[in-house]
């Protein structure tokens, strides 16, 4: 199973997620000059640890999130390495972990990009095949999938965009909410069936308590 969680209004999520940060993560966050980047770092780590503990029942002390040499998060649960990924925008955060060879996720705000039409034309033989300029939903399904695949294999985005997207689409799941496109891609060996997905949304109450709602679940 692949477990996913996302949330909006990230400044409001910060307080209830603070207890899920480790002391070293709090210290490491101070190394970022930008307060916005500090917040994104802390939310990504704390939400991932909350998700792991919520669905597995392990103690928070058994969950470590280090930094891979590539810059990607490296998740260990009770001394076992587990695939994971983190993504964030200015107003949204997303995390995932689970039974996969590698995971990649991405969240994007669905709006026209600079060189929007040129991007579609440039990668029309790859991920943008058949995409129309006015179709933001399909554009961002392909774009977030390309970002997610690139993260999972720690590759280069431009190289991914030139590949046939259908090679990866059947191992991904998408969710659209509040003009955001979310994507989770689970890389598996050729002989391994794609696992199910369980997707949660986290919010806060007026008393700054964390609440969660199941968005959907697949087998």
Protein backbone atom coordinates (compact mmCIF):
# COMPACT_ATOMS: atom_id res chain seq x y z
CA UNK A 1 0.00 0.00 0.00
CA UNK A 2 1.12 3.55 -0.77
CA UNK A 3 0.02 6.14 1.83
CA UNK A 4 -0.40 9.79 0.85
CA UNK A 5 -1.38 12.94 2.75
CA UNK A 6 -1.81 16.55 1.67
CA UNK A 7 -2.91 19.83 3.20
CA UNK A 8 -3.48 23.49 2.42
CA UNK A 9 -3.12 26.65 4.53
CA UNK A 10 0.32 25.50 5.55
CA UNK A 11 0.90 28.28 8.11
CA UNK A 12 -2.11 26.98 10.05
CA UNK A 13 -0.85 23.40 9.84
CA UNK A 14 2.54 24.32 11.30
CA UNK A 15 1.47 24.51 14.98
CA UNK A 16 -0.34 21.14 15.28
CA UNK A 17 2.43 19.40 13.33
CA UNK A 18 5.27 20.83 15.44
CA UNK A 19 5.24 17.86 17.90
CA UNK A 20 6.03 15.54 14.98
CA UNK A 21 9.36 17.22 14.27
CA UNK A 22 12.57 15.83 15.69
CA UNK A 23 15.00 18.09 17.52
CA UNK A 24 17.56 17.73 14.72
CA UNK A 25 14.94 18.71 12.13
CA UNK A 26 14.06 21.86 14.06
CA UNK A 27 17.74 22.75 14.19
CA UNK A 28 18.30 21.95 10.52
CA UNK A 29 15.36 24.14 9.49
CA UNK A 30 17.13 27.15 10.97
CA UNK A 31 19.81 26.73 8.32
CA UNK A 32 17.44 28.04 5.65
CA UNK A 33 17.62 31.80 5.26
CA UNK A 34 14.03 32.10 4.04
CA UNK A 35 11.25 31.67 6.59
CA UNK A 36 9.05 30.27 3.83
CA UNK A 37 11.65 27.58 3.09
CA UNK A 38 11.99 26.82 6.82
CA UNK A 39 8.24 26.30 7.02
CA UNK A 40 8.16 24.05 3.96
CA UNK A 41 11.00 21.92 5.31
CA UNK A 42 9.38 21.51 8.70
CA UNK A 43 5.92 20.76 7.31
CA UNK A 44 7.23 18.14 4.90
CA UNK A 45 9.11 16.23 7.61
CA UNK A 46 6.47 16.57 10.31
CA UNK A 47 3.57 15.59 8.05
CA UNK A 48 5.48 12.56 6.76
CA UNK A 49 6.27 11.39 10.30
CA UNK A 50 2.64 11.96 11.35
CA UNK A 51 1.44 9.89 8.39
CA UNK A 52 3.86 7.04 9.10
CA UNK A 53 2.90 6.88 12.77
CA UNK A 54 -0.82 7.22 12.05
CA UNK A 55 -1.04 4.30 9.62
CA UNK A 56 1.61 1.97 11.07
CA UNK A 57 1.26 2.61 14.80
CA UNK A 58 5.02 2.92 15.32
CA UNK A 59 6.39 5.43 17.80
CA UNK A 60 7.70 8.70 16.39
CA UNK A 61 11.14 7.92 17.81
CA UNK A 62 11.36 4.94 15.42
CA UNK A 63 10.96 7.19 12.36
CA UNK A 64 13.97 9.02 10.95
CA UNK A 65 13.98 11.25 7.87
CA UNK A 66 17.45 12.02 6.60
CA UNK A 67 18.69 13.65 3.41
CA UNK A 68 19.94 11.51 0.53
CA UNK A 69 23.05 12.69 -1.33
CA UNK A 70 20.70 13.61 -4.20
CA UNK A 71 18.72 15.88 -1.88
CA UNK A 72 15.72 13.54 -1.70
CA UNK A 73 14.29 12.53 1.71
CA UNK A 74 15.47 9.18 3.07
CA UNK A 75 12.89 7.51 5.34
CA UNK A 76 13.72 4.80 7.87
CA UNK A 77 11.03 3.08 9.93
CA UNK A 78 12.28 0.88 12.79
CA UNK A 79 15.70 0.57 11.09
CA UNK A 80 14.17 -0.40 7.70
CA UNK A 81 14.46 1.94 4.73
CA UNK A 82 11.09 2.72 3.10
CA UNK A 83 10.34 4.60 -0.13
CA UNK A 84 9.02 8.13 0.40
CA UNK A 85 8.65 11.52 -1.26
CA UNK A 86 7.78 15.11 -0.26
CA UNK A 87 6.44 17.99 -2.36
CA UNK A 88 5.22 21.50 -1.55
CA UNK A 89 4.07 24.75 -3.06
CA UNK A 90 3.60 28.12 -1.36
CA UNK A 91 0.14 27.11 -0.12
CA UNK A 92 0.14 23.29 -0.17
CA UNK A 93 2.16 20.32 1.10
CA UNK A 94 2.10 16.65 0.11
CA UNK A 95 3.91 13.55 1.42
CA UNK A 96 3.87 9.83 0.60
CA UNK A 97 5.50 6.59 1.69
CA UNK A 98 4.94 2.90 1.17
CA UNK A 99 5.74 -0.39 -0.47
CA UNK A 100 7.46 0.57 -3.71
CA UNK A 101 10.91 0.41 -5.23
CA UNK A 102 10.79 4.22 -5.36
CA UNK A 103 8.20 6.96 -4.96
CA UNK A 104 7.83 10.37 -6.53
CA UNK A 105 5.13 12.97 -5.86
CA UNK A 106 4.38 16.48 -7.07
CA UNK A 107 1.84 19.23 -6.44
CA UNK A 108 1.35 22.16 -8.81
CA UNK A 109 -1.00 25.13 -9.06
CA UNK A 110 -2.93 24.80 -12.32
CA UNK A 111 -2.21 28.01 -14.21
CA UNK A 112 -0.61 28.80 -17.54
CA UNK A 113 3.16 28.64 -17.33
CA UNK A 114 5.68 30.87 -19.04
CA UNK A 115 6.25 29.44 -22.52
CA UNK A 116 3.17 27.25 -21.96
CA UNK A 117 2.47 26.61 -25.65
CA UNK A 118 6.17 26.23 -26.40
CA UNK A 119 6.53 23.56 -23.71
CA UNK A 120 3.67 21.57 -25.18
CA UNK A 121 5.21 21.81 -28.64
CA UNK A 122 8.73 20.98 -27.45
CA UNK A 123 7.65 17.77 -25.73
CA UNK A 124 4.83 16.81 -28.10
CA UNK A 125 6.57 13.53 -28.92
CA UNK A 126 6.87 12.74 -25.21
CA UNK A 127 4.83 13.61 -22.14
CA UNK A 128 2.88 16.38 -23.89
CA UNK A 129 1.68 14.20 -26.74
CA UNK A 130 -1.91 15.12 -27.60
CA UNK A 131 -2.15 17.93 -25.00
CA UNK A 132 -4.03 21.06 -26.08
CA UNK A 133 -2.92 24.50 -24.89
CA UNK A 134 -6.31 25.31 -23.29
CA UNK A 135 -6.50 21.98 -21.42
CA UNK A 136 -4.81 22.78 -18.11
CA UNK A 137 -6.02 19.59 -16.42
CA UNK A 138 -4.31 17.26 -18.90
CA UNK A 139 -1.24 19.50 -19.06
CA UNK A 140 -0.77 19.32 -15.30
CA UNK A 141 -1.48 15.60 -15.12
CA UNK A 142 1.42 15.11 -17.53
CA UNK A 143 3.63 17.73 -15.87
CA UNK A 144 3.17 16.43 -12.32
CA UNK A 145 3.67 12.87 -13.58
CA UNK A 146 6.96 13.90 -15.23
CA UNK A 147 8.09 15.62 -12.02
CA UNK A 148 7.08 12.57 -9.96
CA UNK A 149 8.86 10.09 -12.24
CA UNK A 150 11.98 12.27 -12.20
CA UNK A 151 11.98 12.37 -8.40
CA UNK A 152 11.43 8.61 -8.11
CA UNK A 153 14.44 7.76 -10.24
CA UNK A 154 16.42 10.87 -9.26
CA UNK A 155 16.84 11.84 -12.89
CA UNK A 156 16.51 14.95 -15.04
CA UNK A 157 13.11 16.51 -15.76
CA UNK A 158 13.82 17.51 -19.36
CA UNK A 159 14.94 13.97 -20.21
CA UNK A 160 11.77 12.54 -18.61
CA UNK A 161 9.53 14.92 -20.57
CA UNK A 162 10.90 13.54 -23.84
CA UNK A 163 9.83 9.98 -23.02
CA UNK A 164 6.45 8.34 -23.81
CA UNK A 165 4.18 9.17 -20.86
CA UNK A 166 2.16 5.95 -21.15
CA UNK A 167 5.18 4.03 -19.86
CA UNK A 168 4.47 5.60 -16.46
CA UNK A 169 0.79 6.63 -16.35
CA UNK A 170 -0.50 3.24 -15.18
CA UNK A 171 1.65 3.46 -12.05
CA UNK A 172 0.39 6.87 -10.99
CA UNK A 173 -2.64 8.37 -9.30
CA UNK A 174 -3.94 11.94 -9.47
CA UNK A 175 -6.09 14.21 -7.33
CA UNK A 176 -7.38 17.70 -8.21
CA UNK A 177 -8.46 20.16 -5.52
CA UNK A 178 -8.62 23.95 -5.16
CA UNK A 179 -6.94 24.51 -8.54
CA UNK A 180 -4.07 22.20 -7.56
CA UNK A 181 -3.00 19.00 -9.29
CA UNK A 182 -1.48 16.29 -7.09
CA UNK A 183 0.31 13.23 -8.47
CA UNK A 184 1.89 10.17 -6.86
CA UNK A 185 3.99 7.76 -8.94
CA UNK A 186 5.05 4.38 -7.54
CA UNK A 187 7.94 2.68 -9.32
CA UNK A 188 7.76 -1.12 -9.22
CA UNK A 189 9.75 -3.92 -10.78
CA UNK A 190 8.30 -5.21 -14.04
CA UNK A 191 7.07 -8.38 -12.31
CA UNK A 192 5.45 -6.56 -9.40
CA UNK A 193 1.86 -5.34 -9.55
CA UNK A 194 1.15 -1.74 -8.65
CA UNK A 195 0.04 -1.43 -5.04
CA UNK A 196 -3.11 0.25 -3.77
CA UNK A 197 -3.23 3.85 -2.64
CA UNK A 198 -4.69 5.39 0.51
CA UNK A 199 -4.94 9.18 0.35
CA UNK A 200 -5.65 11.52 3.31
CA UNK A 201 -6.24 15.25 3.64
CA UNK A 202 -5.19 17.01 6.84
CA UNK A 203 -6.76 20.20 8.18
CA UNK A 204 -6.85 22.10 11.48
CA UNK A 205 -9.70 23.00 13.80
CA UNK A 206 -10.35 26.37 15.46
CA UNK A 207 -8.40 25.03 18.44
CA UNK A 208 -5.40 24.22 16.24
CA UNK A 209 -5.96 20.47 16.45
CA UNK A 210 -5.01 18.27 13.52
CA UNK A 211 -7.84 16.42 11.79
CA UNK A 212 -7.76 14.04 8.86
CA UNK A 213 -10.22 12.89 6.23
CA UNK A 214 -9.86 9.95 3.83
CA UNK A 215 -9.94 11.31 0.29
CA UNK A 216 -10.02 7.92 -1.42
CA UNK A 217 -8.58 4.41 -1.30
CA UNK A 218 -7.80 1.96 -4.11
CA UNK A 219 -6.87 -1.73 -3.98
